[in-house]
Amino acid sequence: MKAVVLAGGYATRLWPITKQRPKMFLPIGETTVIDRIFADLEADERVDTVYVSTNERFADDFREHLAESEFEKPQLSVEDTSEEDEKFGVVGALAQLVEREEVDDDLVVIAGDNLISFDVGDFVNFFENKGESCLAAYDVGSKELAKAYGLVELDGDRVVDFQEKPEDPHSTLVSIACYAFTAETLPLLEQYLTDGNNPDEPGWFLQWLQSRNPVYAYVFEEAWFDIGTPESYLEAVAWFLDGESYVADSATLDNADIGHNVHVMDGAELTDANLENAIIFPDATIQGCDVRDTIIDEGTYVENMDLAGALIGAHTQITNQRDE
């Protein structure tokens, strides 16, 4: 069995913190979003190769990351794109990877920017038991949220209807970017694209596939975060921290009040600061600030500011000369 971790997006909604780094490298505690997925796939003996599908812009970042990691299975597979408007779409990129790497085994596909709470091995067990293509499904609990995803209707655990980004969803059970395709299904990717179907979202392929072949849903209830916005990244870290805080040993705190869901990384310096629900990247300096619901990138200097809902890029200097 092979696996693909999709890591080809440009994450423009998270700029500036993802303008020069893949969003899959965003820290979650002591690890990263994508490394949590790698760890599950590394531990599953049924998976012998993990293809990391990324673009030319971030290819060197992934080469360096994989070279420094302890994982043995991941290997890079690079799309021929370097800008957002050159993207093939997820289905197009997946079809190209299958052809480029000559994949003819069962294939697990996971988005590298998804924080999932279940063990990928449990999903693989479900897939093997069914012997048919599968998807993971999650109840987002809101019809407004469901409009942004692929809506899944089930009979038992078999998918009987699939609607990608419906305008008027009739339920809140959606497909997340975690799929398993049988080897026999893979040639249908090319057929789907040749027929002129939407190459962008995998949900469109699942909708097309479900009308032709059996597809089953692995429904889970723990937690799931599609990390594509500052808000979703803050929510993912808050879920991981569970109301606590994480301060790296090499960070320096001087009269700093660290509240709930605060993640402070290596080398950061916090003086006369109050923080709540915030992410502070390495080597940032925060002096005389109140920081809430905010992400501050590495090497940034912020002084005498009240920040709420801010997203501050790397190596920025912001000061406010307050009246004495």
Protein backbone atom coordinates (compact mmCIF):
# COMPACT_ATOMS: atom_id res chain seq x y z
CA MET A 1 0.00 0.00 0.00
CA LYS A 2 1.16 3.51 -0.83
CA ALA A 3 0.23 6.87 0.69
CA VAL A 4 0.17 10.44 -0.59
CA VAL A 5 0.36 13.45 1.69
CA LEU A 6 -0.92 16.47 -0.20
CA ALA A 7 1.30 19.49 0.48
CA GLY A 8 1.06 21.59 -2.65
CA GLY A 9 -1.02 24.58 -1.55
CA TYR A 10 0.21 28.14 -1.16
CA ALA A 11 -1.94 29.04 1.89
CA THR A 12 -2.59 32.63 0.86
CA ARG A 13 -5.17 33.10 3.62
CA LEU A 14 -2.39 32.58 6.17
CA TRP A 15 0.01 35.07 4.64
CA PRO A 16 2.38 36.49 5.77
CA ILE A 17 3.31 33.58 8.06
CA THR A 18 3.03 31.06 5.20
CA LYS A 19 4.43 33.21 2.42
CA GLN A 20 7.91 31.75 2.94
CA ARG A 21 7.04 28.45 4.64
CA PRO A 22 4.59 25.63 3.86
CA LYS A 23 1.62 25.78 6.22
CA MET A 24 2.18 22.07 6.87
CA PHE A 25 5.24 23.13 8.90
CA LEU A 26 3.19 25.20 11.33
CA PRO A 27 4.00 23.98 14.85
CA ILE A 28 1.53 22.08 16.99
CA GLY A 29 3.26 21.68 20.36
CA GLU A 30 6.69 20.14 19.80
CA THR A 31 5.85 18.78 16.36
CA THR A 32 4.23 20.08 13.17
CA VAL A 33 0.93 19.49 11.40
CA ILE A 34 2.43 17.27 8.72
CA ASP A 35 4.76 15.38 11.07
CA ARG A 36 1.75 14.12 13.01
CA ILE A 37 0.54 12.48 9.78
CA PHE A 38 4.01 11.17 8.92
CA ALA A 39 4.26 9.55 12.36
CA ASP A 40 1.01 7.59 11.87
CA LEU A 41 2.02 6.44 8.38
CA GLU A 42 5.53 5.53 9.54
CA ALA A 43 4.08 3.29 12.24
CA ASP A 44 1.75 1.41 9.85
CA GLU A 45 3.59 -1.57 8.34
CA ARG A 46 1.03 -1.87 5.54
CA VAL A 47 2.22 1.44 4.07
CA ASP A 48 5.61 1.03 2.40
CA THR A 49 6.02 4.42 0.67
CA VAL A 50 4.72 7.89 1.46
CA TYR A 51 4.77 10.37 -1.41
CA VAL A 52 4.86 14.01 -0.36
CA SER A 53 3.20 15.97 -3.15
CA THR A 54 4.34 19.59 -3.17
CA ASN A 55 5.15 22.40 -5.59
CA GLU A 56 8.46 23.71 -6.90
CA ARG A 57 8.41 26.78 -4.64
CA PHE A 58 8.52 24.70 -1.45
CA ALA A 59 10.37 21.64 -2.77
CA ASP A 60 13.68 22.59 -1.15
CA ASP A 61 11.93 23.27 2.17
CA PHE A 62 10.50 19.75 2.12
CA ARG A 63 13.82 18.20 1.07
CA GLU A 64 15.50 19.84 4.06
CA HIS A 65 12.66 18.93 6.41
CA LEU A 66 12.64 15.27 5.37
CA ALA A 67 16.45 15.03 5.48
CA GLU A 68 16.43 16.25 9.09
CA SER A 69 13.49 14.07 10.17
CA GLU A 70 13.53 10.58 11.61
CA PHE A 71 11.00 9.28 9.08
CA GLU A 72 12.14 6.76 6.48
CA LYS A 73 9.06 6.33 4.28
CA PRO A 74 8.39 9.85 2.94
CA GLN A 75 9.83 10.79 -0.43
CA LEU A 76 9.25 13.98 -2.39
CA SER A 77 7.16 14.11 -5.55
CA VAL A 78 7.20 17.62 -7.03
CA GLU A 79 4.47 19.28 -9.08
CA ASP A 80 5.63 21.48 -11.95
CA THR A 81 4.19 24.67 -10.43
CA SER A 82 5.60 27.56 -8.43
CA GLU A 83 2.68 30.01 -8.28
CA GLU A 84 -0.93 29.85 -7.11
CA ASP A 85 -2.39 30.43 -10.60
CA GLU A 86 -0.37 27.52 -12.05
CA LYS A 87 -1.92 24.88 -9.78
CA PHE A 88 -3.33 21.73 -11.38
CA GLY A 89 -5.97 21.35 -8.70
CA VAL A 90 -5.85 18.56 -6.13
CA VAL A 91 -7.35 15.92 -8.43
CA GLY A 92 -5.11 16.97 -11.30
CA ALA A 93 -2.02 16.87 -9.10
CA LEU A 94 -3.00 13.47 -7.70
CA ALA A 95 -3.54 12.01 -11.18
CA GLN A 96 -0.14 13.35 -12.26
CA LEU A 97 1.53 11.83 -9.20
CA VAL A 98 -0.05 8.41 -9.83
CA GLU A 99 1.30 8.53 -13.39
CA ARG A 100 4.68 10.04 -12.46
CA GLU A 101 5.39 7.55 -9.68
CA GLU A 102 3.71 4.62 -11.51
CA VAL A 103 1.48 3.88 -8.51
CA ASP A 104 -0.53 0.68 -8.98
CA ASP A 105 -1.24 -0.25 -5.35
CA ASP A 106 -4.06 0.70 -3.00
CA LEU A 107 -3.53 4.34 -2.10
CA VAL A 108 -4.23 6.41 1.03
CA VAL A 109 -4.46 10.17 0.42
CA ILE A 110 -4.32 12.72 3.25
CA ALA A 111 -4.09 16.51 3.18
CA GLY A 112 -0.94 17.60 4.96
CA ASP A 113 -2.64 20.63 6.49
CA ASN A 114 -5.33 18.65 8.34
CA LEU A 115 -5.02 17.98 12.04
CA ILE A 116 -6.93 14.76 12.63
CA SER A 117 -7.50 13.19 16.01
CA PHE A 118 -7.90 9.58 14.90
CA ASP A 119 -5.06 7.18 14.15
CA VAL A 120 -4.60 6.78 10.39
CA GLY A 121 -4.12 3.07 11.04
CA ASP A 122 -7.74 2.82 12.19
CA PHE A 123 -8.85 4.36 8.91
CA VAL A 124 -6.71 1.86 6.98
CA ASN A 125 -8.31 -0.98 8.97
CA PHE A 126 -11.74 0.27 7.91
CA PHE A 127 -10.61 0.50 4.27
CA GLU A 128 -9.21 -3.02 4.27
CA ASN A 129 -12.37 -4.43 5.85
CA LYS A 130 -14.55 -2.79 3.20
CA GLY A 131 -12.35 -3.61 0.23
CA GLU A 132 -13.67 -0.51 -1.56
CA SER A 133 -12.70 3.15 -1.75
CA CYS A 134 -13.33 5.07 1.48
CA LEU A 135 -13.38 8.56 2.89
CA ALA A 136 -13.27 9.97 6.40
CA ALA A 137 -16.33 11.95 7.51
CA TYR A 138 -16.92 14.39 10.35
CA ASP A 139 -19.98 16.18 11.70
CA VAL A 140 -19.09 19.90 11.69
CA GLY A 141 -22.28 20.66 13.62
CA SER A 142 -23.25 23.67 11.52
CA LYS A 143 -25.01 23.89 8.18
CA GLU A 144 -23.23 27.17 7.49
CA LEU A 145 -19.86 25.45 7.91
CA ALA A 146 -21.05 22.46 5.86
CA LYS A 147 -21.45 24.73 2.83
CA ALA A 148 -17.65 24.84 2.49
CA TYR A 149 -17.16 21.07 2.29
CA GLY A 150 -18.40 17.93 0.59
CA LEU A 151 -21.69 16.83 2.14
CA VAL A 152 -22.02 13.08 2.73
CA GLU A 153 -25.27 11.11 2.95
CA LEU A 154 -25.01 7.56 4.26
CA ASP A 155 -26.96 4.33 4.30
CA GLY A 156 -25.22 2.61 7.18
CA ASP A 157 -21.61 3.41 6.36
CA ARG A 158 -22.02 3.39 2.57
CA VAL A 159 -22.07 6.75 0.80
CA VAL A 160 -25.33 7.05 -1.14
CA ASP A 161 -25.04 10.73 -2.01
CA PHE A 162 -22.23 13.27 -2.10
CA GLN A 163 -22.62 16.99 -2.76
CA GLU A 164 -19.56 19.21 -3.05
CA LYS A 165 -20.06 22.61 -1.36
CA PRO A 166 -23.87 22.61 -1.44
CA GLU A 167 -25.68 25.95 -1.19
CA ASP A 168 -28.40 24.45 1.00
CA PRO A 169 -26.95 21.51 2.98
CA HIS A 170 -29.50 19.18 4.52
CA SER A 171 -27.07 17.76 7.09
CA THR A 172 -23.73 18.60 8.71
CA LEU A 173 -21.76 15.41 7.95
CA VAL A 174 -18.90 16.32 5.63
CA SER A 175 -16.01 14.57 3.95
CA ILE A 176 -12.55 15.59 5.13
CA ALA A 177 -9.39 15.33 3.02
CA CYS A 178 -8.59 11.75 4.01
CA TYR A 179 -9.30 9.08 1.39
CA ALA A 180 -8.36 5.55 0.46
CA PHE A 181 -8.62 4.31 -3.12
CA THR A 182 -8.34 0.74 -4.34
CA ALA A 183 -5.73 0.07 -7.00
CA GLU A 184 -8.52 -0.60 -9.48
CA THR A 185 -9.90 2.91 -8.88
CA LEU A 186 -6.73 4.85 -9.72
CA PRO A 187 -7.11 4.76 -13.54
CA LEU A 188 -10.48 6.47 -13.07
CA LEU A 189 -8.66 9.65 -12.03
CA GLU A 190 -7.48 10.11 -15.60
CA GLN A 191 -10.90 9.21 -17.01
CA TYR A 192 -12.51 11.77 -14.70
CA LEU A 193 -10.17 14.51 -15.92
CA THR A 194 -10.38 13.50 -19.59
CA ASP A 195 -14.15 13.84 -19.37
CA GLY A 196 -13.67 17.50 -18.46
CA ASN A 197 -14.61 17.33 -14.78
CA ASN A 198 -13.48 19.76 -12.08
CA PRO A 199 -9.77 19.17 -11.29
CA ASP A 200 -9.67 21.32 -8.18
CA GLU A 201 -11.40 19.72 -5.21
CA PRO A 202 -11.21 15.96 -4.49
CA GLY A 203 -14.85 16.12 -3.41
CA TRP A 204 -15.92 16.52 -7.03
CA PHE A 205 -14.07 13.28 -7.87
CA LEU A 206 -15.70 11.52 -4.89
CA GLN A 207 -19.11 12.71 -6.06
CA TRP A 208 -18.38 11.34 -9.55
CA LEU A 209 -16.89 8.10 -8.20
CA GLN A 210 -19.73 7.42 -5.75
CA SER A 211 -22.24 7.34 -8.59
CA ARG A 212 -20.23 4.56 -10.26
CA ASN A 213 -18.51 2.48 -7.58
CA PRO A 214 -19.16 1.71 -3.89
CA VAL A 215 -17.65 4.26 -1.50
CA TYR A 216 -17.74 3.92 2.30
CA ALA A 217 -17.38 6.51 5.06
CA TYR A 218 -15.28 6.20 8.20
CA VAL A 219 -17.13 8.49 10.60
CA PHE A 220 -15.15 9.83 13.58
CA GLU A 221 -16.18 12.07 16.46
CA GLU A 222 -13.00 13.32 18.14
CA ALA A 223 -11.62 16.47 16.51
CA TRP A 224 -10.60 17.77 13.12
CA PHE A 225 -9.10 21.05 11.95
CA ASP A 226 -8.65 22.16 8.37
CA ILE A 227 -5.80 24.59 8.93
CA GLY A 228 -6.30 27.21 6.27
CA THR A 229 -6.90 30.44 8.21
CA PRO A 230 -5.35 32.13 11.26
CA GLU A 231 -8.52 31.32 13.21
CA SER A 232 -8.37 27.60 12.39
CA TYR A 233 -4.67 27.45 13.31
CA LEU A 234 -5.36 29.11 16.67
CA GLU A 235 -8.26 26.67 17.22
CA ALA A 236 -6.06 23.67 16.41
CA VAL A 237 -3.37 24.77 18.86
CA ALA A 238 -6.01 25.48 21.50
CA TRP A 239 -7.42 21.97 21.05
CA PHE A 240 -3.94 20.50 21.43
CA LEU A 241 -3.13 22.58 24.51
CA ASP A 242 -6.55 21.88 26.04
CA GLY A 243 -6.64 25.11 28.00
CA GLU A 244 -3.04 24.90 29.13
CA SER A 245 0.01 26.74 27.80
CA TYR A 246 3.26 25.57 26.20
CA VAL A 247 6.42 27.59 26.75
CA ALA A 248 9.69 26.32 25.27
CA ASP A 249 12.55 25.88 27.74
CA SER A 250 14.72 28.41 25.89
CA ALA A 251 12.05 31.13 25.96
CA THR A 252 12.56 34.01 28.39
CA LEU A 253 9.70 35.32 30.52
CA ASP A 254 10.03 38.48 32.63
CA ASN A 255 6.84 39.62 34.32
CA ALA A 256 4.83 37.84 31.66
CA ASP A 257 1.32 36.58 32.37
CA ILE A 258 0.68 33.47 30.26
CA GLY A 259 -3.01 32.66 30.01
CA HIS A 260 -4.91 29.84 28.35
CA ASN A 261 -3.96 28.31 24.99
CA VAL A 262 -0.66 30.13 24.59
CA HIS A 263 2.18 28.56 22.59
CA VAL A 264 5.58 30.25 23.05
CA MET A 265 8.47 28.84 21.01
CA ASP A 266 12.27 28.67 21.31
CA GLY A 267 14.18 31.88 21.94
CA ALA A 268 11.14 34.11 22.34
CA GLU A 269 11.44 36.92 24.90
CA LEU A 270 8.35 38.21 26.70
CA THR A 271 8.64 41.18 29.09
CA ASP A 272 5.77 42.96 30.88
CA ALA A 273 3.32 41.12 28.64
CA ASN A 274 -0.09 39.51 28.97
CA LEU A 275 -0.99 36.72 26.55
CA GLU A 276 -4.21 34.80 25.94
CA ASN A 277 -4.90 32.41 23.05
CA ALA A 278 -1.74 33.32 21.16
CA ILE A 279 1.09 31.73 19.17
CA ILE A 280 4.55 33.26 19.45
CA PHE A 281 7.18 31.92 17.02
CA PRO A 282 10.92 31.53 17.75
CA ASP A 283 13.07 34.54 18.61
CA ALA A 284 10.17 36.98 18.74
CA THR A 285 10.44 39.80 21.31
CA ILE A 286 7.29 41.08 23.01
CA GLN A 287 7.59 44.00 25.43
CA GLY A 288 4.82 45.86 27.24
CA CYS A 289 2.04 44.23 25.23
CA ASP A 290 -1.38 42.71 25.67
CA VAL A 291 -1.72 39.92 23.09
CA ARG A 292 -4.96 38.04 22.42
CA ASP A 293 -6.11 35.79 19.58
CA THR A 294 -2.90 36.64 17.73
CA ILE A 295 -0.08 34.94 15.81
CA ILE A 296 3.38 36.58 15.84
CA ASP A 297 6.01 35.13 13.51
CA GLU A 298 9.72 34.58 14.16
CA GLY A 299 12.24 37.30 14.79
CA THR A 300 9.55 39.95 15.28
CA TYR A 301 9.87 42.85 17.73
CA VAL A 302 6.66 44.30 19.19
CA GLU A 303 6.64 46.97 21.92
CA ASN A 304 3.83 48.75 23.75
CA MET A 305 0.98 47.39 21.68
CA ASP A 306 -2.45 45.94 22.41
CA LEU A 307 -3.02 43.23 19.84
CA ALA A 308 -6.25 41.32 19.25
CA GLY A 309 -6.87 39.13 16.21
CA ALA A 310 -3.53 40.14 14.65
CA LEU A 311 -1.32 38.21 12.24
CA ILE A 312 2.22 39.61 12.18
CA GLY A 313 4.85 38.45 9.70
CA ALA A 314 8.44 37.48 10.38
CA HIS A 315 11.13 40.03 11.26
CA THR A 316 8.64 42.87 11.65
CA GLN A 317 9.27 45.74 14.07
CA ILE A 318 6.29 47.49 15.62
CA THR A 319 6.61 50.02 18.43
CA ASN A 320 4.21 52.48 20.01
CA GLN A 321 5.71 55.33 21.98
CA ARG A 322 3.18 55.64 24.79
CA ASP A 323 2.85 58.85 26.72
CA GLU A 324 4.55 58.78 30.06
